[in-house]
C-alpha atoms as a PDB file:
ATOM      1  CA  MET A   1       1.707  13.458  -9.401  1.00  0.00           C
ATOM      2  CA  LYS A   2      -0.531  16.029  -8.220  1.00  0.00           C
ATOM      3  CA  PHE A   3      -4.439  15.889  -8.527  1.00  0.00           C
ATOM      4  CA  ASP A   4      -6.527  18.738  -8.035  1.00  0.00           C
ATOM      5  CA  ASN A   5     -10.065  18.805  -7.726  1.00  0.00           C
ATOM      6  CA  GLN A   6     -13.044  20.803  -6.350  1.00  0.00           C
ATOM      7  CA  ARG A   7     -21.755 -14.316   7.413  1.00  0.00           C
ATOM      8  CA  HIS A   8     -20.102 -16.902   6.833  1.00  0.00           C
ATOM      9  CA  SER A   9     -16.393 -17.571   7.036  1.00  0.00           C
ATOM     10  CA  LYS A  10     -16.021 -14.814   5.119  1.00  0.00           C
ATOM     11  CA  GLY A  11     -15.508 -11.353   6.181  1.00  0.00           C
ATOM     12  CA  THR A  12     -17.765  -8.381   4.837  1.00  0.00           C
ATOM     13  CA  SER A  13     -15.840  -5.384   3.136  1.00  0.00           C
ATOM     14  CA  MET A  14     -18.124  -3.089   2.564  1.00  0.00           C
ATOM     15  CA  SER A  15     -15.808  -0.418   1.940  1.00  0.00           C
ATOM     16  CA  SER A  16     -14.680   3.106   1.599  1.00  0.00           C
ATOM     17  CA  LEU A  17     -14.016   4.204  -1.908  1.00  0.00           C
ATOM     18  CA  ILE A  18     -12.859   7.470  -2.979  1.00  0.00           C
ATOM     19  CA  PHE A  19     -11.938   8.016  -6.660  1.00  0.00           C
ATOM     20  CA  TYR A  20     -10.985  11.050  -8.980  1.00  0.00           C
ATOM     21  CA  THR A  21     -10.859  10.620 -13.047  1.00  0.00           C
ATOM     22  CA  GLN A  22      -9.553  13.060 -15.453  1.00  0.00           C
ATOM     23  CA  PRO A  23      -8.637  12.465 -19.204  1.00  0.00           C
ATOM     24  CA  ASP A  24      -5.131  11.194 -18.616  1.00  0.00           C
ATOM     25  CA  ALA A  25      -5.349   9.736 -15.220  1.00  0.00           C
ATOM     26  CA  VAL A  26      -7.283   8.042 -12.260  1.00  0.00           C
ATOM     27  CA  VAL A  27      -7.045   7.730  -8.606  1.00  0.00           C
ATOM     28  CA  VAL A  28      -8.738   5.162  -6.673  1.00  0.00           C
ATOM     29  CA  ALA A  29      -8.431   4.939  -2.901  1.00  0.00           C
ATOM     30  CA  THR A  30      -9.953   2.096  -0.641  1.00  0.00           C
ATOM     31  CA  ASP A  31      -9.683   1.114   3.072  1.00  0.00           C
ATOM     32  CA  THR A  32      -8.582  -2.503   3.692  1.00  0.00           C
ATOM     33  CA  LEU A  33     -10.802  -3.540   6.573  1.00  0.00           C
ATOM     34  CA  ALA A  34     -13.071  -6.725   6.373  1.00  0.00           C
ATOM     35  CA  VAL A  35     -15.336  -7.336   9.317  1.00  0.00           C
ATOM     36  CA  SER A  36     -17.392 -10.410  10.437  1.00  0.00           C
ATOM     37  CA  PRO A  37     -21.286 -10.423  10.820  1.00  0.00           C
ATOM     38  CA  ASP A  38     -21.055  -8.776  13.969  1.00  0.00           C
ATOM     39  CA  GLY A  39     -19.058  -5.880  12.924  1.00  0.00           C
ATOM     40  CA  SER A  40     -15.559  -6.927  14.588  1.00  0.00           C
ATOM     41  CA  PRO A  41     -12.333  -7.127  12.486  1.00  0.00           C
ATOM     42  CA  PHE A  42     -12.006 -10.419  10.268  1.00  0.00           C
ATOM     43  CA  CYS A  43      -9.218  -9.566   8.239  1.00  0.00           C
ATOM     44  CA  PHE A  44      -7.448  -6.941   6.044  1.00  0.00           C
ATOM     45  CA  CYS A  45      -7.753  -7.035   2.247  1.00  0.00           C
ATOM     46  CA  THR A  46      -7.041  -5.606  -0.899  1.00  0.00           C
ATOM     47  CA  LYS A  47     -10.394  -4.190  -2.527  1.00  0.00           C
ATOM     48  CA  ALA A  48      -9.171  -2.592  -5.892  1.00  0.00           C
ATOM     49  CA  GLY A  49      -6.633  -3.977  -8.211  1.00  0.00           C
ATOM     50  CA  TYR A  50      -5.149  -3.444 -11.553  1.00  0.00           C
ATOM     51  CA  ILE A  51      -5.066  -5.640 -14.843  1.00  0.00           C
ATOM     52  CA  PRO A  52      -2.141  -4.120 -16.661  1.00  0.00           C
ATOM     53  CA  HIS A  53      -2.900  -5.921 -20.144  1.00  0.00           C
ATOM     54  CA  LEU A  54      -6.277  -3.988 -20.132  1.00  0.00           C
ATOM     55  CA  ARG A  55      -4.917  -1.028 -18.452  1.00  0.00           C
ATOM     56  CA  THR A  56      -7.881  -1.162 -16.088  1.00  0.00           C
ATOM     57  CA  ILE A  57      -8.836  -0.716 -12.500  1.00  0.00           C
ATOM     58  CA  ILE A  58     -11.482  -2.799 -10.854  1.00  0.00           C
ATOM     59  CA  ALA A  59     -12.808  -1.737  -7.469  1.00  0.00           C
ATOM     60  CA  GLY A  60     -16.203  -2.567  -5.409  1.00  0.00           C
ATOM     61  CA  THR A  61     -18.488  -2.182  -2.512  1.00  0.00           C
ATOM     62  CA  GLY A  62     -20.860  -4.042  -0.954  1.00  0.00           C
ATOM     63  CA  ALA A  63     -20.448  -8.072  -0.398  1.00  0.00           C
ATOM     64  CA  GLY A  64     -16.744  -8.761   0.517  1.00  0.00           C
ATOM     65  CA  GLY A  65     -14.535 -10.278  -2.025  1.00  0.00           C
ATOM     66  CA  PHE A  66     -17.019 -10.199  -5.031  1.00  0.00           C
ATOM     67  CA  SER A  67     -15.189  -7.302  -7.135  1.00  0.00           C
ATOM     68  CA  SER A  68     -11.887  -9.362  -6.554  1.00  0.00           C
ATOM     69  CA  GLN A  69     -13.250 -12.500  -7.926  1.00  0.00           C
ATOM     70  CA  TRP A  70     -14.681 -10.709 -10.985  1.00  0.00           C
ATOM     71  CA  LEU A  71     -11.314  -8.861 -11.356  1.00  0.00           C
ATOM     72  CA  LEU A  72      -9.546 -12.429 -11.388  1.00  0.00           C
ATOM     73  CA  HIS A  73     -12.060 -13.816 -14.119  1.00  0.00           C
ATOM     74  CA  ALA A  74     -11.753 -10.658 -16.281  1.00  0.00           C
ATOM     75  CA  SER A  75      -7.950 -10.945 -16.062  1.00  0.00           C
ATOM     76  CA  THR A  76      -7.526 -14.707 -16.639  1.00  0.00           C
ATOM     77  CA  ARG A  77     -10.584 -16.149 -18.495  1.00  0.00           C
ATOM     78  CA  MET A  78     -11.899 -13.222 -20.820  1.00  0.00           C
ATOM     79  CA  VAL A  79     -10.481 -12.412 -24.435  1.00  0.00           C
ATOM     80  CA  VAL A  80     -10.801  -8.901 -24.734  1.00  0.00           C
ATOM     81  CA  ARG A  81      -9.104  -5.903 -26.146  1.00  0.00           C
ATOM     82  CA  GLY A  82      -9.536  -3.334 -23.263  1.00  0.00           C
ATOM     83  CA  ILE A  83     -11.959  -1.708 -21.021  1.00  0.00           C
ATOM     84  CA  CYS A  84     -14.558  -0.582 -23.854  1.00  0.00           C
ATOM     85  CA  ASN A  85     -14.600  -4.198 -25.042  1.00  0.00           C
ATOM     86  CA  LEU A  86     -14.703  -5.374 -21.265  1.00  0.00           C
ATOM     87  CA  ASP A  87     -17.489  -3.265 -20.681  1.00  0.00           C
ATOM     88  CA  PHE A  88     -19.412  -4.782 -23.458  1.00  0.00           C
ATOM     89  CA  HIS A  89     -19.236  -8.268 -21.566  1.00  0.00           C
ATOM     90  CA  THR A  90     -19.288  -7.225 -18.046  1.00  0.00           C
ATOM     91  CA  PRO A  91     -22.970  -6.888 -17.236  1.00  0.00           C
ATOM     92  CA  LYS A  92     -23.885 -10.498 -18.283  1.00  0.00           C
ATOM     93  CA  GLY A  93     -20.612 -11.686 -16.720  1.00  0.00           C
ATOM     94  CA  LEU A  94     -21.364 -10.007 -13.482  1.00  0.00           C
ATOM     95  CA  ARG A  95     -25.013 -11.315 -12.961  1.00  0.00           C
ATOM     96  CA  GLU A  96     -23.984 -14.922 -13.816  1.00  0.00           C
ATOM     97  CA  LEU A  97     -20.791 -14.391 -11.183  1.00  0.00           C
ATOM     98  CA  TRP A  98     -23.083 -12.880  -8.732  1.00  0.00           C
ATOM     99  CA  ASP A  99     -25.856 -15.701  -8.683  1.00  0.00           C
ATOM    100  CA  THR A 100     -22.975 -18.484  -8.130  1.00  0.00           C
ATOM    101  CA  TYR A 101     -21.435 -15.884  -5.387  1.00  0.00           C
ATOM    102  CA  LYS A 102     -24.483 -15.733  -3.293  1.00  0.00           C
ATOM    103  CA  LYS A 103     -25.330 -19.391  -3.172  1.00  0.00           C
ATOM    104  CA  GLU A 104     -21.431 -20.009  -2.121  1.00  0.00           C
ATOM    105  CA  TYR A 105     -21.142 -17.865   0.439  1.00  0.00           C
ATOM    106  CA  SER A 106     -25.389 -18.146   1.483  1.00  0.00           C
ATOM    107  CA  LEU A 107     -26.087 -14.265   1.119  1.00  0.00           C
ATOM    108  CA  THR A 108     -29.409 -13.070   1.811  1.00  0.00           C
ATOM    109  CA  ASP A 109     -31.696 -11.442  -0.838  1.00  0.00           C
ATOM    110  CA  ASP A 110     -31.091  -8.010   0.391  1.00  0.00           C
ATOM    111  CA  SER A 111     -27.168  -8.406  -0.026  1.00  0.00           C
ATOM    112  CA  THR A 112     -25.912  -5.657  -2.649  1.00  0.00           C
ATOM    113  CA  THR A 113     -22.553  -5.163  -4.264  1.00  0.00           C
ATOM    114  CA  THR A 114     -21.285  -2.509  -7.009  1.00  0.00           C
ATOM    115  CA  VAL A 115     -18.693  -2.941  -9.205  1.00  0.00           C
ATOM    116  CA  TYR A 116     -16.450  -0.199 -10.715  1.00  0.00           C
ATOM    117  CA  GLN A 117     -14.232  -0.297 -13.661  1.00  0.00           C
ATOM    118  CA  PHE A 118     -11.610   2.432 -14.467  1.00  0.00           C
ATOM    119  CA  GLY A 119      -9.275   2.599 -17.638  1.00  0.00           C
ATOM    120  CA  PHE A 120      -7.678   3.981 -20.523  1.00  0.00           C
ATOM    121  CA  SER A 121     -10.012   3.385 -23.676  1.00  0.00           C
ATOM    122  CA  GLU A 122      -8.374   1.176 -26.315  1.00  0.00           C
ATOM    123  CA  GLU A 123     -10.626   3.141 -28.672  1.00  0.00           C
ATOM    124  CA  SER A 124     -10.003   6.826 -27.591  1.00  0.00           C
ATOM    125  CA  GLY A 125      -6.853   6.508 -25.405  1.00  0.00           C
ATOM    126  CA  GLU A 126      -8.612   8.609 -22.701  1.00  0.00           C
ATOM    127  CA  VAL A 127      -9.986   7.348 -19.406  1.00  0.00           C
ATOM    128  CA  VAL A 128     -13.292   5.988 -19.012  1.00  0.00           C
ATOM    129  CA  SER A 129     -15.188   4.915 -16.124  1.00  0.00           C
ATOM    130  CA  PHE A 130     -18.240   2.296 -15.174  1.00  0.00           C
ATOM    131  CA  ALA A 131     -20.258   1.479 -12.484  1.00  0.00           C
ATOM    132  CA  TYR A 132     -22.175  -1.794 -12.209  1.00  0.00           C
ATOM    133  CA  ARG A 133     -24.545  -2.241  -9.470  1.00  0.00           C
ATOM    134  CA  SER A 134     -26.414  -5.235  -8.427  1.00  0.00           C
ATOM    135  CA  ILE A 135     -29.627  -3.302  -7.372  1.00  0.00           C
ATOM    136  CA  ASN A 136     -29.791  -2.384 -11.161  1.00  0.00           C
ATOM    137  CA  ASN A 137     -28.982  -5.835 -12.500  1.00  0.00           C
ATOM    138  CA  PHE A 138     -25.415  -4.778 -13.226  1.00  0.00           C
ATOM    139  CA  GLN A 139     -26.386  -2.568 -16.159  1.00  0.00           C
ATOM    140  CA  SER A 140     -23.301  -0.314 -17.385  1.00  0.00           C
ATOM    141  CA  GLU A 141     -23.522   3.067 -16.055  1.00  0.00           C
ATOM    142  CA  PRO A 142     -20.676   5.255 -17.535  1.00  0.00           C
ATOM    143  CA  LEU A 143     -19.218   7.744 -14.985  1.00  0.00           C
ATOM    144  CA  GLN A 144     -18.420  11.552 -15.595  1.00  0.00           C
ATOM    145  CA  PHE A 145     -14.827  13.077 -15.075  1.00  0.00           C
ATOM    146  CA  GLY A 146     -14.443  14.009 -11.318  1.00  0.00           C
ATOM    147  CA  THR A 147     -14.719  13.166  -7.799  1.00  0.00           C
ATOM    148  CA  GLY A 148     -16.619  10.109  -6.476  1.00  0.00           C
ATOM    149  CA  VAL A 149     -17.273   9.240  -2.901  1.00  0.00           C
ATOM    150  CA  LYS A 150     -19.029   6.003  -1.165  1.00  0.00           C
ATOM    151  CA  PRO A 151     -20.340   6.453   1.277  1.00  0.00           C
ATOM    152  CA  ALA A 152     -20.999  10.134   1.239  1.00  0.00           C
ATOM    153  CA  CYS A 153     -18.875  12.650   2.676  1.00  0.00           C
ATOM    154  CA  THR A 154     -17.600  15.940   2.025  1.00  0.00           C
ATOM    155  CA  VAL A 155     -15.309  16.302  -1.155  1.00  0.00           C
ATOM    156  CA  LEU A 156     -12.159  18.512   0.083  1.00  0.00           C
ATOM    157  CA  GLU A 157     -10.323  20.525  -2.399  1.00  0.00           C
ATOM    158  CA  GLY A 158      -6.592  20.240  -2.958  1.00  0.00           C
ATOM    159  CA  ASN A 159      -3.906  17.607  -3.613  1.00  0.00           C
ATOM    160  CA  LEU A 160      -6.217  14.405  -3.508  1.00  0.00           C
ATOM    161  CA  LEU A 161      -3.661  12.155  -2.237  1.00  0.00           C
ATOM    162  CA  ASP A 162      -3.236  14.426   0.868  1.00  0.00           C
ATOM    163  CA  ILE A 163      -6.872  14.985   1.573  1.00  0.00           C
ATOM    164  CA  ILE A 164      -8.202  11.434   1.153  1.00  0.00           C
ATOM    165  CA  PRO A 165      -7.276  10.129   4.689  1.00  0.00           C
ATOM    166  CA  ASP A 166      -9.297  13.224   6.010  1.00  0.00           C
ATOM    167  CA  MET A 167     -12.291  12.054   3.770  1.00  0.00           C
ATOM    168  CA  MET A 168     -12.071   8.688   5.015  1.00  0.00           C
ATOM    169  CA  VAL A 169     -12.098   9.635   8.595  1.00  0.00           C
ATOM    170  CA  GLU A 170     -15.097  12.019   8.133  1.00  0.00           C
ATOM    171  CA  GLN A 171     -16.983   8.773   6.212  1.00  0.00           C
ATOM    172  CA  ARG A 172     -15.887   6.662   9.087  1.00  0.00           C
ATOM    173  CA  LYS A 173     -17.435   9.092  11.799  1.00  0.00           C
ATOM    174  CA  ASN A 174     -20.574   9.433   9.651  1.00  0.00           C
ATOM    175  CA  GLU A 175     -21.039   5.882   9.375  1.00  0.00           C
ATOM    176  CA  ALA A 176     -20.306   5.150  13.239  1.00  0.00           C
ATOM    177  CA  GLU A 177     -23.416   6.746  14.080  1.00  0.00           C
ATOM    178  CA  LYS A 178     -25.740   4.565  12.120  1.00  0.00           C
ATOM    179  CA  PRO A 179     -27.259   1.317  13.551  1.00  0.00           C
ATOM    180  CA  HIS A 180     -25.080  -1.984  13.359  1.00  0.00           C
ATOM    181  CA  GLY A 181     -26.901  -3.147  10.255  1.00  0.00           C
ATOM    182  CA  GLU A 182     -26.832   0.121   8.153  1.00  0.00           C
ATOM    183  CA  LYS A 183     -23.210   1.223   8.936  1.00  0.00           C
ATOM    184  CA  VAL A 184     -20.263   0.557   6.508  1.00  0.00           C
ATOM    185  CA  TYR A 185     -17.330  -0.286   8.399  1.00  0.00           C
ATOM    186  CA  ILE A 186     -14.155   1.256   7.603  1.00  0.00           C
ATOM    187  CA  GLY A 187     -10.503   0.882   8.662  1.00  0.00           C
ATOM    188  CA  GLY A 188      -7.389  -0.651   8.494  1.00  0.00           C
ATOM    189  CA  GLU A 189      -4.712   1.062   5.923  1.00  0.00           C
ATOM    190  CA  ILE A 190      -5.710   3.395   3.009  1.00  0.00           C
ATOM    191  CA  ILE A 191      -4.236   2.399  -0.356  1.00  0.00           C
ATOM    192  CA  ALA A 192      -4.524   4.111  -3.484  1.00  0.00           C
ATOM    193  CA  LEU A 193      -3.908   3.227  -6.882  1.00  0.00           C
ATOM    194  CA  VAL A 194      -2.749   5.847  -9.327  1.00  0.00           C
ATOM    195  CA  LEU A 195      -3.071   5.103 -13.208  1.00  0.00           C
ATOM    196  CA  THR A 196      -1.621   7.139 -15.815  1.00  0.00           C
ATOM    197  CA  LYS A 197      -0.536   6.289 -19.323  1.00  0.00           C
ATOM    198  CA  ASN A 198       2.839   5.032 -18.085  1.00  0.00           C
ATOM    199  CA  GLY A 199       1.406   2.389 -15.875  1.00  0.00           C
ATOM    200  CA  CYS A 200      -0.368   2.219 -12.444  1.00  0.00           C
ATOM    201  CA  ASN A 201       1.335   2.777  -8.875  1.00  0.00           C
ATOM    202  CA  HIS A 202       0.004   1.196  -5.567  1.00  0.00           C
ATOM    203  CA  LEU A 203       0.293   3.782  -2.613  1.00  0.00           C
ATOM    204  CA  LYS A 204      -0.194   3.626   1.053  1.00  0.00           C
ATOM    205  CA  ILE A 205      -1.377   7.002   2.181  1.00  0.00           C
ATOM    206  CA  GLY A 206      -2.331   6.423   5.421  1.00  0.00           C
ATOM    207  CA  GLU A 207      -3.882   4.295   8.257  1.00  0.00           C
ATOM    208  CA  PHE A 208      -6.570   4.595  10.878  1.00  0.00           C
ATOM    209  CA  GLU A 209      -5.925   5.353  14.464  1.00  0.00           C
ATOM    210  CA  ASP A 210      -7.020   2.044  15.499  1.00  0.00           C
ATOM    211  CA  PHE A 211      -5.132   0.023  12.992  1.00  0.00           C
ATOM    212  CA  SER A 212      -2.613  -1.642  15.584  1.00  0.00           C
ATOM    213  CA  THR A 213      -5.686  -2.725  17.762  1.00  0.00           C
ATOM    214  CA  ASP A 214      -7.568  -4.113  14.874  1.00  0.00           C
ATOM    215  CA  GLU A 215      -4.748  -5.969  13.567  1.00  0.00           C
ATOM    216  CA  LYS A 216      -4.195  -7.397  16.803  1.00  0.00           C
ATOM    217  CA  SER A 217      -8.021  -8.559  17.096  1.00  0.00           C
ATOM    218  CA  VAL A 218      -7.432 -10.099  13.659  1.00  0.00           C
ATOM    219  CA  PHE A 219      -4.921 -12.579  14.289  1.00  0.00           C
ATOM    220  CA  GLU A 220      -6.082 -13.343  17.685  1.00  0.00           C
ATOM    221  CA  ASN A 221      -9.541 -14.130  16.320  1.00  0.00           C
ATOM    222  CA  PHE A 222      -7.738 -16.305  13.423  1.00  0.00           C
ATOM    223  CA  SER A 223      -5.674 -18.022  16.057  1.00  0.00           C
ATOM    224  CA  ARG A 224      -9.293 -18.880  17.922  1.00  0.00           C
ATOM    225  CA  MET A 225     -10.534 -20.203  14.728  1.00  0.00           C
ATOM    226  CA  THR A 226      -7.611 -22.513  13.711  1.00  0.00           C
ATOM    227  CA  ASN A 227      -7.033 -24.083  17.595  1.00  0.00           C
END
């Protein structure tokens, strides 16, 4: 389908996130790199996932793995009808999970995360999207149709699946110029989720030029840790 638009023993996956929404479809793309506190490659991970029975994609930026824990909770431990019903319960659920998560991984008070939910409304049948930011106490923020990027970059025009890799390369270039404590580390592969009324497809649409080098480092580091 063509979309046109105008510190612990745990890695940190601050993430590139690029998404596009229209009434009948969603595209969500992320990188896969998680890094150690010093910025070295720690592992590769999935940063966005799909819940089929809710027709909802959940993605996150910031603290590594938090959105994945929320996805697991929402998909296995909640009784909800769809994304709108889920949205009603999400702020309270995220606040409780965040308190536990920060203690489990000894996160500092300045650690942040944002969770995004995209899906087909059980009420209208059209796509709806929400953001929940820890800095706003995970209040529900409805999102308008269109393109969103995090961290900032130029929003190019054209077929989104073709231009996302170029946008992520720009994001990484911009972040590379920042000090270690401020930059977002982006790398690995580029995975896109494409959600329509027929279902959700997961597509690899690219990889970064140092993917093989980072992959080698990940396994070498893992071997040292386990020996």
